[in-house]
Every structure is written in structure tokens, then in C-alpha cells.
Protein backbone atom coordinates (compact mmCIF):
# COMPACT_ATOMS: atom_id res chain seq x y z
CA MET A 1 4.53 -27.91 -0.29
CA ARG A 2 3.23 -26.22 -3.42
CA ALA A 3 0.13 -25.01 -1.61
CA LEU A 4 2.33 -23.43 1.04
CA ALA A 5 4.34 -21.60 -1.63
CA ALA A 6 1.15 -20.39 -3.28
CA LEU A 7 -0.14 -19.17 0.08
CA ALA A 8 3.12 -17.33 0.76
CA ALA A 9 2.98 -15.69 -2.67
CA LEU A 10 -0.63 -14.66 -2.09
CA ALA A 11 0.25 -13.18 1.31
CA ALA A 12 3.13 -11.23 -0.23
CA LEU A 13 0.86 -9.93 -2.98
CA ALA A 14 -1.77 -8.87 -0.45
CA ALA A 15 0.88 -7.08 1.62
CA LEU A 16 2.14 -5.28 -1.49
CA ALA A 17 -1.37 -4.21 -2.43
CA ALA A 18 -1.99 -2.93 1.11
CA LEU A 19 1.28 -1.01 1.04
CA ALA A 20 0.39 0.56 -2.31
CA ALA A 21 -3.04 1.57 -1.02
CA LEU A 22 -1.49 3.05 2.11
CA ALA A 23 1.02 5.03 0.05
CA ALA A 24 -1.74 6.36 -2.20
CA LEU A 25 -3.83 7.32 0.83
CA ALA A 26 -0.85 9.06 2.45
CA ALA A 27 -0.12 11.00 -0.74
CA LEU A 28 -3.77 12.03 -1.02
CA ALA A 29 -3.91 13.17 2.61
CA ASP A 30 -0.59 14.97 2.26
CA GLY A 31 -1.76 16.87 -0.81
CA ARG A 32 -5.15 17.77 0.63
CA GLY A 33 -4.65 18.23 4.35
CA ARG A 34 -1.67 20.59 4.58
CA PRO A 35 -2.26 24.12 3.27
CA GLY A 36 1.18 25.29 4.40
CA ARG A 37 3.07 23.07 1.98
CA PRO A 38 3.02 23.89 -1.75
CA GLY A 39 1.69 21.21 -4.03
């Protein structure tokens, strides 16, 4: 059962890392790709 818990924790960590990367990518695209919005 401990291996299952470790696998679940690893999956949650990977999902969190993917979400953080997606947020950073969205912020980068938002800052660069829209000339109409200040900032």
C-alpha cells in the first residue's frame, strides 16, 4: 500500500508541476502576444 501512496504523491506532484508550467506559459504569452493590453 505504501507504493501506491508514493505513486499517488508523485502523480500529484507531476500535475502540480505541469499546472505551474502552464500558468507560466500563459503569463508569458499574455504579456507578449497582446499589444492592446498594457503590461
